[in-house]
PDB file of N, CA and C in Angstrom:
ATOM      1  N   MET A   1     150.146  58.157  81.564  1.00  0.00           N
ATOM      2  CA  MET A   1     151.552  58.458  81.743  1.00  0.00           C
ATOM      3  C   MET A   1     151.788  58.713  83.232  1.00  0.00           C
ATOM      4  N   ALA A   2     152.616  57.907  83.833  1.00  0.00           N
ATOM      5  CA  ALA A   2     152.922  58.037  85.256  1.00  0.00           C
ATOM      6  C   ALA A   2     154.161  58.902  85.441  1.00  0.00           C
ATOM      7  N   ILE A   3     154.122  59.724  86.483  1.00  0.00           N
ATOM      8  CA  ILE A   3     155.266  60.578  86.799  1.00  0.00           C
ATOM      9  C   ILE A   3     156.135  59.837  87.796  1.00  0.00           C
ATOM     10  N   LYS A   4     157.424  59.716  87.467  1.00  0.00           N
ATOM     11  CA  LYS A   4     158.353  59.078  88.395  1.00  0.00           C
ATOM     12  C   LYS A   4     158.521  59.960  89.615  1.00  0.00           C
ATOM     13  N   LYS A   5     158.549  59.346  90.771  1.00  0.00           N
ATOM     14  CA  LYS A   5     158.787  60.087  92.003  1.00  0.00           C
ATOM     15  C   LYS A   5     160.286  60.356  92.091  1.00  0.00           C
ATOM     16  N   ALA A   6     160.639  61.622  92.027  1.00  0.00           N
ATOM     17  CA  ALA A   6     162.040  62.020  92.098  1.00  0.00           C
ATOM     18  C   ALA A   6     162.369  62.516  93.494  1.00  0.00           C
ATOM     19  N   ARG A   7     163.625  62.632  93.762  1.00  0.00           N
ATOM     20  CA  ARG A   7     164.088  63.144  95.040  1.00  0.00           C
ATOM     21  C   ARG A   7     163.739  64.617  95.137  1.00  0.00           C
ATOM     22  N   VAL A   8     163.402  65.072  96.332  1.00  0.00           N
ATOM     23  CA  VAL A   8     163.089  66.481  96.564  1.00  0.00           C
ATOM     24  C   VAL A   8     164.406  67.242  96.702  1.00  0.00           C
ATOM     25  N   VAL A   9     164.543  68.308  95.925  1.00  0.00           N
ATOM     26  CA  VAL A   9     165.739  69.143  95.982  1.00  0.00           C
ATOM     27  C   VAL A   9     165.426  70.337  96.876  1.00  0.00           C
ATOM     28  N   THR A  10     166.283  70.562  97.866  1.00  0.00           N
ATOM     29  CA  THR A  10     166.063  71.647  98.816  1.00  0.00           C
ATOM     30  C   THR A  10     166.787  72.914  98.376  1.00  0.00           C
ATOM     31  N   LYS A  11     166.499  74.011  99.072  1.00  0.00           N
ATOM     32  CA  LYS A  11     167.191  75.270  98.784  1.00  0.00           C
ATOM     33  C   LYS A  11     168.697  75.093  98.986  1.00  0.00           C
ATOM     34  N   ALA A  12     169.093  74.349 100.004  1.00  0.00           N
ATOM     35  CA  ALA A  12     170.514  74.099 100.257  1.00  0.00           C
ATOM     36  C   ALA A  12     171.162  73.361  99.086  1.00  0.00           C
ATOM     37  N   ASP A  13     170.431  72.414  98.482  1.00  0.00           N
ATOM     38  CA  ASP A  13     170.942  71.703  97.302  1.00  0.00           C
ATOM     39  C   ASP A  13     171.129  72.667  96.136  1.00  0.00           C
ATOM     40  N   LEU A  14     170.171  73.563  95.943  1.00  0.00           N
ATOM     41  CA  LEU A  14     170.280  74.546  94.861  1.00  0.00           C
ATOM     42  C   LEU A  14     171.450  75.491  95.103  1.00  0.00           C
ATOM     43  N   VAL A  15     171.624  75.924  96.348  1.00  0.00           N
ATOM     44  CA  VAL A  15     172.744  76.810  96.692  1.00  0.00           C
ATOM     45  C   VAL A  15     174.060  76.121  96.361  1.00  0.00           C
ATOM     46  N   GLU A  16     174.169  74.856  96.720  1.00  0.00           N
ATOM     47  CA  GLU A  16     175.401  74.104  96.441  1.00  0.00           C
ATOM     48  C   GLU A  16     175.666  74.012  94.943  1.00  0.00           C
ATOM     49  N   LYS A  17     174.630  73.717  94.171  1.00  0.00           N
ATOM     50  CA  LYS A  17     174.783  73.595  92.715  1.00  0.00           C
ATOM     51  C   LYS A  17     175.184  74.931  92.085  1.00  0.00           C
ATOM     52  N   VAL A  18     174.529  76.020  92.495  1.00  0.00           N
ATOM     53  CA  VAL A  18     174.851  77.342  91.947  1.00  0.00           C
ATOM     54  C   VAL A  18     176.271  77.750  92.357  1.00  0.00           C
ATOM     55  N   ALA A  19     176.666  77.442  93.577  1.00  0.00           N
ATOM     56  CA  ALA A  19     178.028  77.754  94.039  1.00  0.00           C
ATOM     57  C   ALA A  19     179.061  77.037  93.185  1.00  0.00           C
ATOM     58  N   GLU A  20     178.797  75.772  92.850  1.00  0.00           N
ATOM     59  CA  GLU A  20     179.708  75.021  91.985  1.00  0.00           C
ATOM     60  C   GLU A  20     179.784  75.635  90.592  1.00  0.00           C
ATOM     61  N   MET A  21     178.646  76.080  90.080  1.00  0.00           N
ATOM     62  CA  MET A  21     178.591  76.637  88.727  1.00  0.00           C
ATOM     63  C   MET A  21     179.266  78.001  88.634  1.00  0.00           C
ATOM     64  N   THR A  22     179.172  78.801  89.694  1.00  0.00           N
ATOM     65  CA  THR A  22     179.647  80.181  89.634  1.00  0.00           C
ATOM     66  C   THR A  22     181.016  80.395  90.247  1.00  0.00           C
ATOM     67  N   GLY A  23     181.433  79.508  91.146  1.00  0.00           N
ATOM     68  CA  GLY A  23     182.698  79.701  91.834  1.00  0.00           C
ATOM     69  C   GLY A  23     182.581  80.555  93.086  1.00  0.00           C
ATOM     70  N   PHE A  24     181.376  81.041  93.398  1.00  0.00           N
ATOM     71  CA  PHE A  24     181.162  81.773  94.638  1.00  0.00           C
ATOM     72  C   PHE A  24     181.148  80.777  95.795  1.00  0.00           C
ATOM     73  N   THR A  25     181.340  81.275  97.001  1.00  0.00           N
ATOM     74  CA  THR A  25     181.235  80.398  98.159  1.00  0.00           C
ATOM     75  C   THR A  25     179.763  80.076  98.396  1.00  0.00           C
ATOM     76  N   LYS A  26     179.527  79.021  99.172  1.00  0.00           N
ATOM     77  CA  LYS A  26     178.137  78.668  99.486  1.00  0.00           C
ATOM     78  C   LYS A  26     177.464  79.783 100.280  1.00  0.00           C
ATOM     79  N   THR A  27     178.226  80.448 101.143  1.00  0.00           N
ATOM     80  CA  THR A  27     177.663  81.539 101.944  1.00  0.00           C
ATOM     81  C   THR A  27     177.232  82.693 101.050  1.00  0.00           C
ATOM     82  N   GLU A  28     178.090  83.079 100.109  1.00  0.00           N
ATOM     83  CA  GLU A  28     177.746  84.166  99.182  1.00  0.00           C
ATOM     84  C   GLU A  28     176.545  83.776  98.323  1.00  0.00           C
ATOM     85  N   THR A  29     176.557  82.550  97.854  1.00  0.00           N
ATOM     86  CA  THR A  29     175.470  82.064  97.010  1.00  0.00           C
ATOM     87  C   THR A  29     174.150  82.020  97.782  1.00  0.00           C
ATOM     88  N   ALA A  30     174.199  81.605  99.042  1.00  0.00           N
ATOM     89  CA  ALA A  30     172.986  81.547  99.865  1.00  0.00           C
ATOM     90  C   ALA A  30     172.394  82.938 100.052  1.00  0.00           C
ATOM     91  N   VAL A  31     173.249  83.937 100.246  1.00  0.00           N
ATOM     92  CA  VAL A  31     172.776  85.318 100.413  1.00  0.00           C
ATOM     93  C   VAL A  31     172.107  85.800  99.124  1.00  0.00           C
ATOM     94  N   ILE A  32     172.708  85.492  97.994  1.00  0.00           N
ATOM     95  CA  ILE A  32     172.158  85.898  96.698  1.00  0.00           C
ATOM     96  C   ILE A  32     170.812  85.198  96.451  1.00  0.00           C
ATOM     97  N   CYS A  33     170.756  83.898  96.688  1.00  0.00           N
ATOM     98  CA  CYS A  33     169.502  83.145  96.477  1.00  0.00           C
ATOM     99  C   CYS A  33     168.395  83.657  97.398  1.00  0.00           C
ATOM    100  N   GLU A  34     168.739  83.897  98.656  1.00  0.00           N
ATOM    101  CA  GLU A  34     167.746  84.403  99.599  1.00  0.00           C
ATOM    102  C   GLU A  34     167.256  85.787  99.172  1.00  0.00           C
ATOM    103  N   GLY A  35     168.180  86.611  98.668  1.00  0.00           N
ATOM    104  CA  GLY A  35     167.809  87.935  98.172  1.00  0.00           C
ATOM    105  C   GLY A  35     166.865  87.852  96.985  1.00  0.00           C
ATOM    106  N   LEU A  36     167.139  86.932  96.070  1.00  0.00           N
ATOM    107  CA  LEU A  36     166.282  86.751  94.903  1.00  0.00           C
ATOM    108  C   LEU A  36     164.881  86.311  95.327  1.00  0.00           C
ATOM    109  N   LEU A  37     164.810  85.329  96.215  1.00  0.00           N
ATOM    110  CA  LEU A  37     163.504  84.845  96.665  1.00  0.00           C
ATOM    111  C   LEU A  37     162.731  85.933  97.405  1.00  0.00           C
ATOM    112  N   GLN A  38     163.428  86.718  98.215  1.00  0.00           N
ATOM    113  CA  GLN A  38     162.759  87.807  98.944  1.00  0.00           C
ATOM    114  C   GLN A  38     162.259  88.878  97.970  1.00  0.00           C
ATOM    115  N   ALA A  39     163.066  89.169  96.938  1.00  0.00           N
ATOM    116  CA  ALA A  39     162.657  90.160  95.940  1.00  0.00           C
ATOM    117  C   ALA A  39     161.399  89.689  95.209  1.00  0.00           C
ATOM    118  N   ILE A  40     161.337  88.401  94.866  1.00  0.00           N
ATOM    119  CA  ILE A  40     160.152  87.851  94.196  1.00  0.00           C
ATOM    120  C   ILE A  40     158.929  88.013  95.100  1.00  0.00           C
ATOM    121  N   LYS A  41     159.076  87.665  96.388  1.00  0.00           N
ATOM    122  CA  LYS A  41     157.952  87.802  97.326  1.00  0.00           C
ATOM    123  C   LYS A  41     157.524  89.258  97.472  1.00  0.00           C
ATOM    124  N   ASP A  42     158.495  90.179  97.575  1.00  0.00           N
ATOM    125  CA  ASP A  42     158.171  91.600  97.740  1.00  0.00           C
ATOM    126  C   ASP A  42     157.438  92.160  96.523  1.00  0.00           C
ATOM    127  N   VAL A  43     157.918  91.808  95.326  1.00  0.00           N
ATOM    128  CA  VAL A  43     157.299  92.304  94.093  1.00  0.00           C
ATOM    129  C   VAL A  43     155.866  91.785  93.973  1.00  0.00           C
ATOM    130  N   MET A  44     155.673  90.507  94.276  1.00  0.00           N
ATOM    131  CA  MET A  44     154.329  89.938  94.168  1.00  0.00           C
ATOM    132  C   MET A  44     153.413  90.464  95.273  1.00  0.00           C
ATOM    133  N   ALA A  45     153.954  90.705  96.459  1.00  0.00           N
ATOM    134  CA  ALA A  45     153.159  91.269  97.549  1.00  0.00           C
ATOM    135  C   ALA A  45     152.669  92.665  97.185  1.00  0.00           C
ATOM    136  N   ALA A  46     153.424  93.366  96.335  1.00  0.00           N
ATOM    137  CA  ALA A  46     153.023  94.698  95.884  1.00  0.00           C
ATOM    138  C   ALA A  46     151.993  94.615  94.745  1.00  0.00           C
ATOM    139  N   GLY A  47     151.636  93.387  94.331  1.00  0.00           N
ATOM    140  CA  GLY A  47     150.607  93.217  93.306  1.00  0.00           C
ATOM    141  C   GLY A  47     151.132  93.147  91.891  1.00  0.00           C
ATOM    142  N   ASN A  48     152.436  92.967  91.721  1.00  0.00           N
ATOM    143  CA  ASN A  48     153.033  92.933  90.385  1.00  0.00           C
ATOM    144  C   ASN A  48     153.323  91.504  89.942  1.00  0.00           C
ATOM    145  N   ASP A  49     153.356  91.304  88.617  1.00  0.00           N
ATOM    146  CA  ASP A  49     153.746  90.027  88.036  1.00  0.00           C
ATOM    147  C   ASP A  49     155.243  90.067  87.727  1.00  0.00           C
ATOM    148  N   ILE A  50     155.844  88.874  87.579  1.00  0.00           N
ATOM    149  CA  ILE A  50     157.265  88.773  87.262  1.00  0.00           C
ATOM    150  C   ILE A  50     157.421  87.886  86.042  1.00  0.00           C
ATOM    151  N   GLU A  51     158.146  88.372  85.052  1.00  0.00           N
ATOM    152  CA  GLU A  51     158.429  87.581  83.860  1.00  0.00           C
ATOM    153  C   GLU A  51     159.936  87.389  83.761  1.00  0.00           C
ATOM    154  N   ILE A  52     160.362  86.124  83.753  1.00  0.00           N
ATOM    155  CA  ILE A  52     161.773  85.793  83.578  1.00  0.00           C
ATOM    156  C   ILE A  52     161.869  85.043  82.254  1.00  0.00           C
ATOM    157  N   ARG A  53     162.430  85.696  81.262  1.00  0.00           N
ATOM    158  CA  ARG A  53     162.489  85.128  79.905  1.00  0.00           C
ATOM    159  C   ARG A  53     163.159  83.765  79.917  1.00  0.00           C
ATOM    160  N   ARG A  54     162.594  82.847  79.123  1.00  0.00           N
ATOM    161  CA  ARG A  54     163.072  81.479  78.970  1.00  0.00           C
ATOM    162  C   ARG A  54     162.981  80.665  80.257  1.00  0.00           C
ATOM    163  N   PHE A  55     162.267  81.195  81.266  1.00  0.00           N
ATOM    164  CA  PHE A  55     162.035  80.443  82.503  1.00  0.00           C
ATOM    165  C   PHE A  55     160.543  80.348  82.776  1.00  0.00           C
ATOM    166  N   GLY A  56     159.884  81.504  82.956  1.00  0.00           N
ATOM    167  CA  GLY A  56     158.455  81.485  83.193  1.00  0.00           C
ATOM    168  C   GLY A  56     157.954  82.786  83.780  1.00  0.00           C
ATOM    169  N   THR A  57     156.676  82.780  84.130  1.00  0.00           N
ATOM    170  CA  THR A  57     156.016  83.969  84.654  1.00  0.00           C
ATOM    171  C   THR A  57     155.336  83.642  85.978  1.00  0.00           C
ATOM    172  N   PHE A  58     155.550  84.501  86.957  1.00  0.00           N
ATOM    173  CA  PHE A  58     154.852  84.431  88.232  1.00  0.00           C
ATOM    174  C   PHE A  58     153.750  85.471  88.171  1.00  0.00           C
ATOM    175  N   LYS A  59     152.509  85.044  88.410  1.00  0.00           N
ATOM    176  CA  LYS A  59     151.374  85.970  88.358  1.00  0.00           C
ATOM    177  C   LYS A  59     150.512  85.787  89.588  1.00  0.00           C
ATOM    178  N   LEU A  60     149.690  86.805  89.831  1.00  0.00           N
ATOM    179  CA  LEU A  60     148.682  86.716  90.882  1.00  0.00           C
ATOM    180  C   LEU A  60     147.348  86.467  90.206  1.00  0.00           C
ATOM    181  N   LYS A  61     146.606  85.505  90.712  1.00  0.00           N
ATOM    182  CA  LYS A  61     145.335  85.149  90.108  1.00  0.00           C
ATOM    183  C   LYS A  61     144.242  85.219  91.169  1.00  0.00           C
ATOM    184  N   LYS A  62     143.112  85.792  90.790  1.00  0.00           N
ATOM    185  CA  LYS A  62     141.982  85.916  91.713  1.00  0.00           C
ATOM    186  C   LYS A  62     141.128  84.653  91.621  1.00  0.00           C
ATOM    187  N   ARG A  63     140.901  84.021  92.759  1.00  0.00           N
ATOM    188  CA  ARG A  63     140.031  82.848  92.832  1.00  0.00           C
ATOM    189  C   ARG A  63     138.658  83.292  93.312  1.00  0.00           C
ATOM    190  N   LYS A  64     137.629  82.839  92.632  1.00  0.00           N
ATOM    191  CA  LYS A  64     136.261  83.214  92.987  1.00  0.00           C
ATOM    192  C   LYS A  64     135.850  82.537  94.289  1.00  0.00           C
ATOM    193  N   PRO A  65     134.904  83.147  94.985  1.00  0.00           N
ATOM    194  CA  PRO A  65     134.391  82.476  96.188  1.00  0.00           C
ATOM    195  C   PRO A  65     133.629  81.215  95.772  1.00  0.00           C
ATOM    196  N   ARG A  66     133.643  80.220  96.656  1.00  0.00           N
ATOM    197  CA  ARG A  66     132.938  78.972  96.324  1.00  0.00           C
ATOM    198  C   ARG A  66     132.527  78.255  97.606  1.00  0.00           C
ATOM    199  N   ILE A  67     131.740  77.248  97.422  1.00  0.00           N
ATOM    200  CA  ILE A  67     131.323  76.412  98.537  1.00  0.00           C
ATOM    201  C   ILE A  67     132.057  75.082  98.416  1.00  0.00           C
ATOM    202  N   ALA A  68     132.791  74.706  99.460  1.00  0.00           N
ATOM    203  CA  ALA A  68     133.501  73.431  99.505  1.00  0.00           C
ATOM    204  C   ALA A  68     132.804  72.531 100.512  1.00  0.00           C
ATOM    205  N   ARG A  69     133.261  71.317 100.632  1.00  0.00           N
ATOM    206  CA  ARG A  69     132.684  70.372 101.591  1.00  0.00           C
ATOM    207  C   ARG A  69     133.781  69.864 102.518  1.00  0.00           C
ATOM    208  N   ASN A  70     133.457  69.796 103.806  1.00  0.00           N
ATOM    209  CA  ASN A  70     134.349  69.179 104.773  1.00  0.00           C
ATOM    210  C   ASN A  70     134.296  67.674 104.513  1.00  0.00           C
ATOM    211  N   PRO A  71     135.424  67.038 104.155  1.00  0.00           N
ATOM    212  CA  PRO A  71     135.373  65.617 103.791  1.00  0.00           C
ATOM    213  C   PRO A  71     134.980  64.707 104.963  1.00  0.00           C
ATOM    214  N   ARG A  72     135.235  65.145 106.158  1.00  0.00           N
ATOM    215  CA  ARG A  72     134.914  64.322 107.332  1.00  0.00           C
ATOM    216  C   ARG A  72     133.424  64.343 107.654  1.00  0.00           C
ATOM    217  N   THR A  73     132.822  65.540 107.589  1.00  0.00           N
ATOM    218  CA  THR A  73     131.420  65.676 108.003  1.00  0.00           C
ATOM    219  C   THR A  73     130.460  65.877 106.836  1.00  0.00           C
ATOM    220  N   GLY A  74     130.991  66.269 105.667  1.00  0.00           N
ATOM    221  CA  GLY A  74     130.132  66.550 104.533  1.00  0.00           C
ATOM    222  C   GLY A  74     129.487  67.922 104.615  1.00  0.00           C
ATOM    223  N   GLU A  75     129.803  68.685 105.657  1.00  0.00           N
ATOM    224  CA  GLU A  75     129.235  70.014 105.871  1.00  0.00           C
ATOM    225  C   GLU A  75     129.758  70.999 104.821  1.00  0.00           C
ATOM    226  N   ALA A  76     128.890  71.877 104.333  1.00  0.00           N
ATOM    227  CA  ALA A  76     129.274  72.909 103.368  1.00  0.00           C
ATOM    228  C   ALA A  76     130.118  73.976 104.079  1.00  0.00           C
ATOM    229  N   VAL A  77     131.213  74.354 103.436  1.00  0.00           N
ATOM    230  CA  VAL A  77     132.114  75.351 104.003  1.00  0.00           C
ATOM    231  C   VAL A  77     132.336  76.445 102.961  1.00  0.00           C
ATOM    232  N   PRO A  78     131.950  77.684 103.272  1.00  0.00           N
ATOM    233  CA  PRO A  78     132.180  78.757 102.299  1.00  0.00           C
ATOM    234  C   PRO A  78     133.661  79.160 102.270  1.00  0.00           C
ATOM    235  N   ILE A  79     134.182  79.331 101.071  1.00  0.00           N
ATOM    236  CA  ILE A  79     135.556  79.799 100.898  1.00  0.00           C
ATOM    237  C   ILE A  79     135.488  81.165 100.235  1.00  0.00           C
ATOM    238  N   LYS A  80     136.106  82.148 100.870  1.00  0.00           N
ATOM    239  CA  LYS A  80     136.070  83.525 100.372  1.00  0.00           C
ATOM    240  C   LYS A  80     136.921  83.690  99.114  1.00  0.00           C
ATOM    241  N   GLU A  81     136.641  84.775  98.411  1.00  0.00           N
ATOM    242  CA  GLU A  81     137.471  85.150  97.271  1.00  0.00           C
ATOM    243  C   GLU A  81     138.882  85.400  97.786  1.00  0.00           C
ATOM    244  N   ARG A  82     139.885  84.966  97.002  1.00  0.00           N
ATOM    245  CA  ARG A  82     141.262  85.163  97.438  1.00  0.00           C
ATOM    246  C   ARG A  82     142.170  85.311  96.235  1.00  0.00           C
ATOM    247  N   ILE A  83     143.352  85.807  96.492  1.00  0.00           N
ATOM    248  CA  ILE A  83     144.358  85.977  95.447  1.00  0.00           C
ATOM    249  C   ILE A  83     145.482  84.997  95.736  1.00  0.00           C
ATOM    250  N   VAL A  84     145.864  84.217  94.717  1.00  0.00           N
ATOM    251  CA  VAL A  84     146.900  83.209  94.893  1.00  0.00           C
ATOM    252  C   VAL A  84     148.009  83.418  93.859  1.00  0.00           C
ATOM    253  N   PRO A  85     149.258  83.119  94.220  1.00  0.00           N
ATOM    254  CA  PRO A  85     150.343  83.189  93.250  1.00  0.00           C
ATOM    255  C   PRO A  85     150.334  81.930  92.380  1.00  0.00           C
ATOM    256  N   VAL A  86     150.603  82.101  91.088  1.00  0.00           N
ATOM    257  CA  VAL A  86     150.697  80.966  90.170  1.00  0.00           C
ATOM    258  C   VAL A  86     151.967  81.122  89.338  1.00  0.00           C
ATOM    259  N   PHE A  87     152.494  79.992  88.870  1.00  0.00           N
ATOM    260  CA  PHE A  87     153.682  80.003  88.016  1.00  0.00           C
ATOM    261  C   PHE A  87     153.339  79.328  86.706  1.00  0.00           C
ATOM    262  N   LYS A  88     153.667  79.984  85.600  1.00  0.00           N
ATOM    263  CA  LYS A  88     153.451  79.413  84.278  1.00  0.00           C
ATOM    264  C   LYS A  88     154.824  79.276  83.621  1.00  0.00           C
ATOM    265  N   PRO A  89     155.284  78.049  83.384  1.00  0.00           N
ATOM    266  CA  PRO A  89     156.602  77.871  82.779  1.00  0.00           C
ATOM    267  C   PRO A  89     156.617  78.302  81.316  1.00  0.00           C
ATOM    268  N   SER A  90     157.787  78.757  80.868  1.00  0.00           N
ATOM    269  CA  SER A  90     157.937  79.160  79.466  1.00  0.00           C
ATOM    270  C   SER A  90     158.041  77.925  78.579  1.00  0.00           C
ATOM    271  N   LYS A  91     157.939  78.136  77.289  1.00  0.00           N
ATOM    272  CA  LYS A  91     158.068  77.036  76.337  1.00  0.00           C
ATOM    273  C   LYS A  91     159.454  76.403  76.455  1.00  0.00           C
ATOM    274  N   ALA A  92     160.492  77.244  76.609  1.00  0.00           N
ATOM    275  CA  ALA A  92     161.855  76.727  76.740  1.00  0.00           C
ATOM    276  C   ALA A  92     161.993  75.866  78.003  1.00  0.00           C
ATOM    277  N   PHE A  93     161.345  76.272  79.079  1.00  0.00           N
ATOM    278  CA  PHE A  93     161.371  75.520  80.338  1.00  0.00           C
ATOM    279  C   PHE A  93     160.679  74.157  80.134  1.00  0.00           C
ATOM    280  N   LYS A  94     159.513  74.185  79.500  1.00  0.00           N
ATOM    281  CA  LYS A  94     158.740  72.968  79.293  1.00  0.00           C
ATOM    282  C   LYS A  94     159.510  71.941  78.463  1.00  0.00           C
ATOM    283  N   THR A  95     160.287  72.387  77.484  1.00  0.00           N
ATOM    284  CA  THR A  95     161.026  71.453  76.651  1.00  0.00           C
ATOM    285  C   THR A  95     162.140  70.749  77.418  1.00  0.00           C
ATOM    286  N   LYS A  96     162.573  71.322  78.532  1.00  0.00           N
ATOM    287  CA  LYS A  96     163.613  70.706  79.361  1.00  0.00           C
ATOM    288  C   LYS A  96     163.065  69.597  80.253  1.00  0.00           C
ATOM    289  N   VAL A  97     161.752  69.588  80.480  1.00  0.00           N
ATOM    290  CA  VAL A  97     161.129  68.582  81.335  1.00  0.00           C
ATOM    291  C   VAL A  97     160.877  67.339  80.509  1.00  0.00           C
ATOM    292  N   PRO A  98     161.327  66.170  80.992  1.00  0.00           N
ATOM    293  CA  PRO A  98     161.127  64.928  80.225  1.00  0.00           C
ATOM    294  C   PRO A  98     159.648  64.658  79.979  1.00  0.00           C
ATOM    295  N   GLN A  99     159.302  64.256  78.767  1.00  0.00           N
ATOM    296  CA  GLN A  99     157.920  63.987  78.383  1.00  0.00           C
ATOM    297  C   GLN A  99     157.639  62.488  78.356  1.00  0.00           C
ATOM    298  N   ASP A 100     158.369  61.733  79.081  1.00  0.00           N
ATOM    299  CA  ASP A 100     158.288  60.279  79.168  1.00  0.00           C
ATOM    300  C   ASP A 100     156.948  59.805  79.582  1.00  0.00           C
TER     301      ASP A 100
END
């Protein structure tokens, strides 16, 4: 199953769409969107997970240390243990994505 290459939607595109849906100005909508994104970053930086019902969950996941290879030289490169943010979509979110 091949995934169609779709157009990349930017934050400005999302702001425009939300402004149309809500009737707020683009400036007001941009402030709200930026506030939401900053709140998500702040909450996760504090080590907390975020659950948005019918959308998905943002979690922090610990990656184990491992040995990788430099593709150019083939040299072994150690990668330290790290914590990465991950997103798991909800069942309702997944059903909205085309399964073509």
